[in-house]
Amino acid sequence: MKARLVKALDPAGGAGAEVAARSDFDLNPGAERPARQLRPAAVLILIIAEGEEPRVLMTRRSDSLASHTGQIAFPGGRLDPGETVVEAALREAREEVALSLEGIEVLGLADRYETGTGFLVTPVVAWVTAAPRTEPNPEEVAEVFEVPWAFLMDSANHRQDHYELEGQPRRYFWAMPYGERYIWGVTAGILRALHDRLDGGKDEAAA
């Protein structure tokens, strides 16, 4: 699995793409896409390869945040001046969940993703062989938990949901409900893109 990921991902030390390969607009081709300068951000997809079943570290955002309260997310955020995407993803993970970097190996970069809120998010995929200690920063994170990698990469668990705001057209998004946790939006879109990259896009046309 690790070798397959390294082969499928872009090199972590590369310059990386400056445009998004995926976006919130993919499932809404009729939606108006504003012309804008996207703000760079990065998230950490940490695969914990401990035991029989690899898992992915995820968070539930604090209910006290100004936006995206309570949503499921990866550790991450916008880049500071002069930072690389890898540096930003690891720094944000330290700040949000006190993640120790001991034993963490960065494998590469997944597809850049344009959010509806104007960010260009680079997913940084990393690997660790023992479950790391974490402690959520209560100002940003309400909960840290793990989701099986196999569940997230199984297209049978991917679905297209939608919402409608008064006076606006219906908007579609990817969702991957996991028990009582509803993984959706950008987080689910990034995971779907990673699935398609590893799968060679075979499921994309059937979605």
Protein backbone atom coordinates (compact mmCIF):
# COMPACT_ATOMS: atom_id res chain seq x y z
CA MET A 1 0.00 0.00 0.00
CA LYS A 2 2.75 2.44 0.91
CA ALA A 3 4.64 1.81 -2.34
CA ARG A 4 1.41 2.22 -4.31
CA LEU A 5 0.78 5.58 -2.71
CA VAL A 6 4.29 6.86 -3.39
CA LYS A 7 3.95 5.84 -7.04
CA ALA A 8 0.55 7.55 -7.43
CA LEU A 9 1.35 10.81 -5.63
CA ASP A 10 3.30 13.85 -6.79
CA PRO A 11 6.72 14.26 -5.15
CA ALA A 12 6.59 16.15 -1.88
CA GLY A 13 9.67 18.16 -2.76
CA GLY A 14 8.39 19.30 -6.12
CA ALA A 15 7.09 22.75 -6.94
CA GLY A 16 3.59 21.37 -7.33
CA ALA A 17 0.76 22.49 -9.55
CA GLU A 18 -0.46 26.06 -9.26
CA VAL A 19 -3.96 25.21 -10.48
CA ALA A 20 -6.57 22.90 -9.03
CA ALA A 21 -7.17 19.46 -10.48
CA ARG A 22 -10.42 19.13 -8.50
CA SER A 23 -12.89 21.59 -7.01
CA ASP A 24 -16.24 22.22 -5.36
CA PHE A 25 -17.50 23.04 -8.86
CA ASP A 26 -16.90 19.54 -10.30
CA LEU A 27 -20.38 18.31 -9.40
CA ASN A 28 -21.95 21.67 -10.28
CA PRO A 29 -20.83 22.46 -13.82
CA GLY A 30 -23.54 25.10 -14.25
CA ALA A 31 -22.47 27.10 -11.21
CA GLU A 32 -20.74 30.42 -11.76
CA ARG A 33 -17.03 30.11 -11.02
CA PRO A 34 -15.65 33.48 -9.92
CA ALA A 35 -12.39 34.81 -11.31
CA ARG A 36 -10.15 35.24 -8.28
CA GLN A 37 -6.70 34.74 -6.82
CA LEU A 38 -6.86 31.55 -4.78
CA ARG A 39 -5.27 31.55 -1.33
CA PRO A 40 -2.84 28.64 -0.81
CA ALA A 41 -3.58 26.14 1.96
CA ALA A 42 -2.58 22.60 2.86
CA VAL A 43 -4.05 19.68 4.78
CA LEU A 44 -2.43 16.58 6.25
CA ILE A 45 -3.80 13.15 5.34
CA LEU A 46 -2.00 11.03 7.93
CA ILE A 47 -2.28 7.28 7.41
CA ILE A 48 -1.67 5.30 10.60
CA ALA A 49 -0.36 1.90 9.51
CA GLU A 50 -0.67 0.21 12.90
CA GLY A 51 -2.27 -3.19 13.33
CA GLU A 52 -4.24 -5.00 10.67
CA GLU A 53 -6.21 -2.03 9.35
CA PRO A 54 -4.63 1.31 8.35
CA ARG A 55 -6.57 4.34 9.52
CA VAL A 56 -6.70 8.05 8.69
CA LEU A 57 -6.46 10.80 11.30
CA MET A 58 -9.38 13.24 11.15
CA THR A 59 -10.82 16.02 13.29
CA ARG A 60 -14.15 17.58 14.12
CA ARG A 61 -13.88 21.34 14.08
CA SER A 62 -14.76 23.31 17.18
CA ASP A 63 -18.31 24.61 17.52
CA SER A 64 -16.89 28.00 18.52
CA LEU A 65 -15.18 28.71 15.18
CA ALA A 66 -16.48 31.51 12.98
CA SER A 67 -16.97 29.21 9.97
CA HIS A 68 -17.37 25.48 9.17
CA THR A 69 -18.23 24.79 12.80
CA GLY A 70 -18.50 21.14 13.76
CA GLN A 71 -17.46 19.88 10.33
CA ILE A 72 -15.17 16.91 9.77
CA ALA A 73 -11.78 17.94 8.43
CA PHE A 74 -8.12 17.09 8.12
CA PRO A 75 -5.61 19.08 10.15
CA GLY A 76 -4.61 22.01 7.97
CA GLY A 77 -4.93 25.63 7.05
CA ARG A 78 -3.50 28.46 4.99
CA LEU A 79 0.20 28.81 4.25
CA ASP A 80 2.29 31.35 6.12
CA PRO A 81 4.62 33.52 3.97
CA GLY A 82 7.60 31.50 2.75
CA GLU A 83 6.16 28.12 3.78
CA THR A 84 5.94 25.05 1.58
CA VAL A 85 2.73 23.03 1.58
CA VAL A 86 4.45 20.26 3.55
CA GLU A 87 5.67 22.70 6.19
CA ALA A 88 2.21 24.25 6.47
CA ALA A 89 0.39 20.93 6.79
CA LEU A 90 2.74 19.70 9.52
CA ARG A 91 2.68 23.02 11.38
CA GLU A 92 -1.11 23.14 11.34
CA ALA A 93 -1.26 19.56 12.64
CA ARG A 94 1.01 20.52 15.54
CA GLU A 95 -1.09 23.59 16.31
CA GLU A 96 -4.49 21.91 16.00
CA VAL A 97 -3.89 18.50 17.61
CA ALA A 98 -0.36 18.72 19.10
CA LEU A 99 0.79 16.08 16.62
CA SER A 100 4.33 14.87 17.22
CA LEU A 101 6.31 14.57 13.99
CA GLU A 102 8.36 11.65 15.28
CA GLY A 103 8.14 8.71 12.88
CA ILE A 104 6.01 10.57 10.33
CA GLU A 105 7.08 10.08 6.71
CA VAL A 106 5.69 12.36 4.01
CA LEU A 107 4.85 10.24 0.95
CA GLY A 108 3.76 12.89 -1.53
CA LEU A 109 1.08 15.31 -2.65
CA ALA A 110 -2.43 14.54 -3.91
CA ASP A 111 -4.62 16.57 -6.28
CA ARG A 112 -4.91 20.28 -5.51
CA TYR A 113 -8.46 21.27 -4.69
CA GLU A 114 -10.24 24.60 -5.20
CA THR A 115 -12.79 25.36 -2.51
CA GLY A 116 -15.88 27.46 -2.99
CA THR A 117 -14.47 29.85 -0.39
CA GLY A 118 -11.43 30.62 -2.54
CA PHE A 119 -8.63 28.39 -1.26
CA LEU A 120 -6.27 26.20 -3.28
CA VAL A 121 -5.76 23.25 -0.94
CA THR A 122 -2.85 20.84 -1.38
CA PRO A 123 -3.32 17.49 0.41
CA VAL A 124 -0.06 16.23 1.92
CA VAL A 125 -0.17 12.45 2.38
CA ALA A 126 1.97 11.06 5.20
CA TRP A 127 2.59 7.70 6.85
CA VAL A 128 3.28 6.62 10.42
CA THR A 129 3.58 3.09 11.81
CA ALA A 130 2.39 3.77 15.37
CA ALA A 131 -0.64 5.74 16.47
CA PRO A 132 0.58 9.21 17.48
CA ARG A 133 -0.42 10.99 20.64
CA THR A 134 -2.76 13.87 19.98
CA GLU A 135 -4.38 16.57 22.08
CA PRO A 136 -6.96 18.79 20.39
CA ASN A 137 -6.59 22.54 20.68
CA PRO A 138 -10.08 23.39 22.01
CA GLU A 139 -10.09 26.71 20.17
CA GLU A 140 -9.95 24.88 16.84
CA VAL A 141 -10.74 21.19 17.31
CA ALA A 142 -13.53 19.51 19.27
CA GLU A 143 -12.44 15.92 18.64
CA VAL A 144 -9.68 13.83 17.06
CA PHE A 145 -10.61 10.40 15.68
CA GLU A 146 -9.59 7.81 13.10
CA VAL A 147 -11.43 6.34 10.11
CA PRO A 148 -10.42 3.10 8.39
CA TRP A 149 -8.55 3.71 5.13
CA ALA A 150 -10.50 0.89 3.46
CA PHE A 151 -13.80 2.61 4.27
CA LEU A 152 -12.67 5.93 2.80
CA MET A 153 -11.28 4.34 -0.36
CA ASP A 154 -14.35 2.18 -1.05
CA SER A 155 -16.50 3.90 -3.69
CA ALA A 156 -19.55 2.10 -2.27
CA ASN A 157 -19.28 4.52 0.66
CA HIS A 158 -19.15 7.62 -1.58
CA ARG A 159 -22.37 9.39 -2.45
CA GLN A 160 -23.47 12.67 -3.98
CA ASP A 161 -25.64 14.70 -1.61
CA HIS A 162 -26.98 18.21 -2.07
CA TYR A 163 -28.30 21.28 -0.31
CA GLU A 164 -30.49 24.15 -1.41
CA LEU A 165 -30.41 27.70 -0.09
CA GLU A 166 -33.39 29.94 -0.64
CA GLY A 167 -33.18 31.65 -4.02
CA GLN A 168 -30.13 29.65 -5.12
CA PRO A 169 -29.76 26.54 -7.31
CA ARG A 170 -29.23 23.12 -5.80
CA ARG A 171 -25.56 22.41 -5.02
CA TYR A 172 -24.09 18.90 -5.05
CA PHE A 173 -21.13 17.62 -3.04
CA TRP A 174 -19.41 14.36 -2.13
CA ALA A 175 -20.29 12.76 1.19
CA MET A 176 -19.00 9.70 3.06
CA PRO A 177 -21.13 9.20 6.19
CA TYR A 178 -19.25 7.16 8.79
CA GLY A 179 -21.42 6.14 11.71
CA GLU A 180 -22.65 9.30 13.40
CA ARG A 181 -20.00 11.38 11.63
CA TYR A 182 -20.87 13.07 8.35
CA ILE A 183 -17.77 13.51 6.17
CA TRP A 184 -18.66 15.85 3.33
CA GLY A 185 -17.72 18.84 1.21
CA VAL A 186 -14.05 19.63 0.67
CA THR A 187 -12.84 16.79 2.92
CA ALA A 188 -14.89 14.20 1.06
CA GLY A 189 -13.98 15.75 -2.30
CA ILE A 190 -10.27 15.46 -1.52
CA LEU A 191 -10.71 11.83 -0.49
CA ARG A 192 -12.72 11.07 -3.62
CA ALA A 193 -9.96 12.59 -5.75
CA LEU A 194 -7.35 10.49 -3.96
CA HIS A 195 -9.46 7.39 -4.52
CA ASP A 196 -9.70 8.17 -8.24
CA ARG A 197 -5.96 8.81 -8.50
CA LEU A 198 -5.17 5.44 -6.91
CA ASP A 199 -7.90 3.71 -8.91
CA GLY A 200 -6.90 5.26 -12.22
CA GLY A 201 -10.22 7.10 -12.41
CA LYS A 202 -12.14 3.93 -13.24
CA ASP A 203 -15.02 4.82 -10.93
CA GLU A 204 -15.21 8.48 -11.87
CA ALA A 205 -17.40 8.03 -14.93
CA ALA A 206 -19.78 5.81 -12.97
CA ALA A 207 -20.23 8.25 -10.10
